[in-house]
Amino acid sequence: MPSSFKSLNLFGSGPHRFALARQGQALASELFSSPPNSGTRYLGLVELQVIVKGSLVAATETDLWTLRDAVTAQLLDPPSPGTLIDLHGRTWTDMSFVGFIAGDRTDRGRVVSLEYEARFVKFREYPQ
């Protein structure tokens, strides 16, 4: 099963892996509260974040830019949630694509490739 975001195979051109960011409580030091105090305050659970790291791989530089542009075209304002699926069929619903960091160089050989890191967040809903 190929990985996908909103049913788009954005990362399948090359090797990639999924990882979860830190999970648990968001914490704030009481030292910086007013008045300052010792200890730590919990603020609630951090939002779920999934990080995809890998390489986009193409036959030509032009094709590589086409792949990169297809990925970054999904960075929307405001973010539009969708379903993120990893290579093993693990599914995360209501994920928003919030960041893309391209590697600092294009590797060239029989193919051209570009390392990347893509970040997805499941935003918490707050009453208004």
C-alpha atoms as a PDB file:
ATOM      1  CA  MET A   1       0.000   0.000   0.000  1.00  0.00           C
ATOM      2  CA  PRO A   2       1.535   3.354  -0.972  1.00  0.00           C
ATOM      3  CA  SER A   3       1.561   6.224   1.493  1.00  0.00           C
ATOM      4  CA  SER A   4      -0.698   9.169   0.755  1.00  0.00           C
ATOM      5  CA  PHE A   5      -2.149  12.467   1.920  1.00  0.00           C
ATOM      6  CA  LYS A   6      -5.689  13.258   0.737  1.00  0.00           C
ATOM      7  CA  SER A   7      -5.299  10.228  -1.579  1.00  0.00           C
ATOM      8  CA  LEU A   8      -2.266  11.878  -3.269  1.00  0.00           C
ATOM      9  CA  ASN A   9       0.943   9.846  -3.538  1.00  0.00           C
ATOM     10  CA  LEU A  10       3.208  12.782  -2.656  1.00  0.00           C
ATOM     11  CA  PHE A  11       6.162  10.845  -1.235  1.00  0.00           C
ATOM     12  CA  GLY A  12       6.196   7.616  -3.249  1.00  0.00           C
ATOM     13  CA  SER A  13       8.940   8.627  -5.678  1.00  0.00           C
ATOM     14  CA  GLY A  14      11.619   7.654  -3.181  1.00  0.00           C
ATOM     15  CA  PRO A  15      12.311   6.150   0.220  1.00  0.00           C
ATOM     16  CA  HIS A  16      10.481   7.750   3.134  1.00  0.00           C
ATOM     17  CA  ARG A  17       9.525   7.005   6.711  1.00  0.00           C
ATOM     18  CA  PHE A  18       6.886   8.212   9.151  1.00  0.00           C
ATOM     19  CA  ALA A  19       7.508   9.148  12.783  1.00  0.00           C
ATOM     20  CA  LEU A  20       5.429  10.612  15.563  1.00  0.00           C
ATOM     21  CA  ALA A  21       6.656  13.787  17.245  1.00  0.00           C
ATOM     22  CA  ARG A  22       6.707  14.140  21.019  1.00  0.00           C
ATOM     23  CA  GLN A  23       3.472  13.122  22.703  1.00  0.00           C
ATOM     24  CA  GLY A  24       2.327  14.047  26.193  1.00  0.00           C
ATOM     25  CA  GLN A  25       1.601  17.126  28.255  1.00  0.00           C
ATOM     26  CA  ALA A  26       2.518  20.664  27.254  1.00  0.00           C
ATOM     27  CA  LEU A  27       4.288  22.157  30.280  1.00  0.00           C
ATOM     28  CA  ALA A  28       5.025  25.685  31.486  1.00  0.00           C
ATOM     29  CA  SER A  29       7.380  26.700  34.262  1.00  0.00           C
ATOM     30  CA  GLU A  30       5.738  28.533  37.167  1.00  0.00           C
ATOM     31  CA  LEU A  31       8.975  30.544  37.460  1.00  0.00           C
ATOM     32  CA  PHE A  32       7.759  32.866  34.699  1.00  0.00           C
ATOM     33  CA  SER A  33       4.196  33.277  35.999  1.00  0.00           C
ATOM     34  CA  SER A  34       3.020  36.320  37.906  1.00  0.00           C
ATOM     35  CA  PRO A  35       3.950  36.142  40.717  1.00  0.00           C
ATOM     36  CA  PRO A  36       6.899  33.774  40.084  1.00  0.00           C
ATOM     37  CA  ASN A  37       6.658  30.413  41.788  1.00  0.00           C
ATOM     38  CA  SER A  38       8.508  27.102  41.787  1.00  0.00           C
ATOM     39  CA  GLY A  39       7.092  24.101  39.995  1.00  0.00           C
ATOM     40  CA  THR A  40       5.562  23.260  36.656  1.00  0.00           C
ATOM     41  CA  ARG A  41       2.040  23.678  35.302  1.00  0.00           C
ATOM     42  CA  TYR A  42       0.514  21.339  32.751  1.00  0.00           C
ATOM     43  CA  LEU A  43      -1.429  22.978  29.927  1.00  0.00           C
ATOM     44  CA  GLY A  44      -3.000  19.920  28.307  1.00  0.00           C
ATOM     45  CA  LEU A  45      -1.914  17.388  25.740  1.00  0.00           C
ATOM     46  CA  VAL A  46       0.231  18.527  22.830  1.00  0.00           C
ATOM     47  CA  GLU A  47      -1.278  18.198  19.378  1.00  0.00           C
ATOM     48  CA  LEU A  48      -0.555  15.032  17.426  1.00  0.00           C
ATOM     49  CA  GLN A  49       2.245  15.589  14.906  1.00  0.00           C
ATOM     50  CA  VAL A  50       3.423  13.160  12.229  1.00  0.00           C
ATOM     51  CA  ILE A  51       6.739  13.786  10.489  1.00  0.00           C
ATOM     52  CA  VAL A  52       7.572  12.279   7.109  1.00  0.00           C
ATOM     53  CA  LYS A  53      11.267  12.209   6.175  1.00  0.00           C
ATOM     54  CA  GLY A  54      12.582  10.936   2.892  1.00  0.00           C
ATOM     55  CA  SER A  55      13.870  11.722  -0.575  1.00  0.00           C
ATOM     56  CA  LEU A  56      12.041  12.811  -3.678  1.00  0.00           C
ATOM     57  CA  VAL A  57      13.606  10.946  -6.622  1.00  0.00           C
ATOM     58  CA  ALA A  58      13.239  11.733 -10.345  1.00  0.00           C
ATOM     59  CA  ALA A  59      14.957  11.101 -13.662  1.00  0.00           C
ATOM     60  CA  THR A  60      15.633  14.792 -14.384  1.00  0.00           C
ATOM     61  CA  GLU A  61      15.966  18.081 -12.538  1.00  0.00           C
ATOM     62  CA  THR A  62      12.719  19.278 -14.160  1.00  0.00           C
ATOM     63  CA  ASP A  63      10.876  16.162 -12.969  1.00  0.00           C
ATOM     64  CA  LEU A  64      12.273  16.680  -9.469  1.00  0.00           C
ATOM     65  CA  TRP A  65      10.900  20.237  -9.390  1.00  0.00           C
ATOM     66  CA  THR A  66       7.528  18.886 -10.536  1.00  0.00           C
ATOM     67  CA  LEU A  67       7.505  16.471  -7.579  1.00  0.00           C
ATOM     68  CA  ARG A  68       8.565  19.216  -5.154  1.00  0.00           C
ATOM     69  CA  ASP A  69       5.899  21.582  -6.484  1.00  0.00           C
ATOM     70  CA  ALA A  70       3.220  18.878  -6.127  1.00  0.00           C
ATOM     71  CA  VAL A  71       4.127  18.479  -2.444  1.00  0.00           C
ATOM     72  CA  THR A  72       4.309  22.189  -1.625  1.00  0.00           C
ATOM     73  CA  ALA A  73       1.023  22.828  -3.473  1.00  0.00           C
ATOM     74  CA  GLN A  74      -0.647  21.051  -0.530  1.00  0.00           C
ATOM     75  CA  LEU A  75       0.561  23.724   1.923  1.00  0.00           C
ATOM     76  CA  LEU A  76      -2.641  25.739   2.129  1.00  0.00           C
ATOM     77  CA  ASP A  77      -3.736  28.852   4.011  1.00  0.00           C
ATOM     78  CA  PRO A  78      -5.699  28.070   6.036  1.00  0.00           C
ATOM     79  CA  PRO A  79      -4.595  24.445   6.362  1.00  0.00           C
ATOM     80  CA  SER A  80      -7.093  21.959   4.962  1.00  0.00           C
ATOM     81  CA  PRO A  81      -7.226  18.689   6.926  1.00  0.00           C
ATOM     82  CA  GLY A  82      -7.113  15.323   5.217  1.00  0.00           C
ATOM     83  CA  THR A  83      -6.245  11.695   5.820  1.00  0.00           C
ATOM     84  CA  LEU A  84      -2.562  10.734   6.041  1.00  0.00           C
ATOM     85  CA  ILE A  85      -1.674   7.080   5.410  1.00  0.00           C
ATOM     86  CA  ASP A  86       1.757   5.510   5.923  1.00  0.00           C
ATOM     87  CA  LEU A  87       3.359   2.630   3.998  1.00  0.00           C
ATOM     88  CA  HIS A  88       1.841   0.055   6.357  1.00  0.00           C
ATOM     89  CA  GLY A  89      -1.723   1.323   6.142  1.00  0.00           C
ATOM     90  CA  ARG A  90      -1.669   3.233   9.447  1.00  0.00           C
ATOM     91  CA  THR A  91      -4.197   6.066   9.069  1.00  0.00           C
ATOM     92  CA  TRP A  92      -4.380   9.486  10.734  1.00  0.00           C
ATOM     93  CA  THR A  93      -7.527  11.490  10.039  1.00  0.00           C
ATOM     94  CA  ASP A  94      -7.965  15.280  10.133  1.00  0.00           C
ATOM     95  CA  MET A  95      -4.251  15.956   9.632  1.00  0.00           C
ATOM     96  CA  SER A  96      -3.108  19.324   8.283  1.00  0.00           C
ATOM     97  CA  PHE A  97       0.088  19.690   6.230  1.00  0.00           C
ATOM     98  CA  VAL A  98       1.890  22.558   7.960  1.00  0.00           C
ATOM     99  CA  GLY A  99       5.560  22.453   6.965  1.00  0.00           C
ATOM    100  CA  PHE A 100       8.036  21.314   4.354  1.00  0.00           C
ATOM    101  CA  ILE A 101      11.803  21.595   4.652  1.00  0.00           C
ATOM    102  CA  ALA A 102      13.810  20.719   1.551  1.00  0.00           C
ATOM    103  CA  GLY A 103      17.384  19.514   1.857  1.00  0.00           C
ATOM    104  CA  ASP A 104      20.179  21.964   1.151  1.00  0.00           C
ATOM    105  CA  ARG A 105      21.315  20.211  -2.044  1.00  0.00           C
ATOM    106  CA  THR A 106      20.144  18.100  -4.939  1.00  0.00           C
ATOM    107  CA  ASP A 107      21.999  14.804  -5.241  1.00  0.00           C
ATOM    108  CA  ARG A 108      22.833  13.874  -8.832  1.00  0.00           C
ATOM    109  CA  GLY A 109      23.750  10.485 -10.285  1.00  0.00           C
ATOM    110  CA  ARG A 110      21.725   8.095 -12.426  1.00  0.00           C
ATOM    111  CA  VAL A 111      18.754   9.924 -10.888  1.00  0.00           C
ATOM    112  CA  VAL A 112      18.356  13.223  -9.056  1.00  0.00           C
ATOM    113  CA  SER A 113      17.025  13.367  -5.502  1.00  0.00           C
ATOM    114  CA  LEU A 114      16.201  15.843  -2.781  1.00  0.00           C
ATOM    115  CA  GLU A 115      15.886  15.052   0.914  1.00  0.00           C
ATOM    116  CA  TYR A 116      12.927  16.555   2.766  1.00  0.00           C
ATOM    117  CA  GLU A 117      10.988  16.687   5.990  1.00  0.00           C
ATOM    118  CA  ALA A 118       7.213  17.196   5.910  1.00  0.00           C
ATOM    119  CA  ARG A 119       5.197  17.951   9.050  1.00  0.00           C
ATOM    120  CA  PHE A 120       1.520  17.223   9.663  1.00  0.00           C
ATOM    121  CA  VAL A 121      -0.529  18.345  12.695  1.00  0.00           C
ATOM    122  CA  LYS A 122      -3.914  17.325  14.036  1.00  0.00           C
ATOM    123  CA  PHE A 123      -5.120  20.629  15.420  1.00  0.00           C
ATOM    124  CA  ARG A 124      -7.116  20.556  18.636  1.00  0.00           C
ATOM    125  CA  GLU A 125     -10.555  22.036  18.437  1.00  0.00           C
ATOM    126  CA  TYR A 126     -11.278  24.784  20.931  1.00  0.00           C
ATOM    127  CA  PRO A 127     -14.759  26.078  21.736  1.00  0.00           C
ATOM    128  CA  GLN A 128     -15.389  29.598  20.508  1.00  0.00           C
END
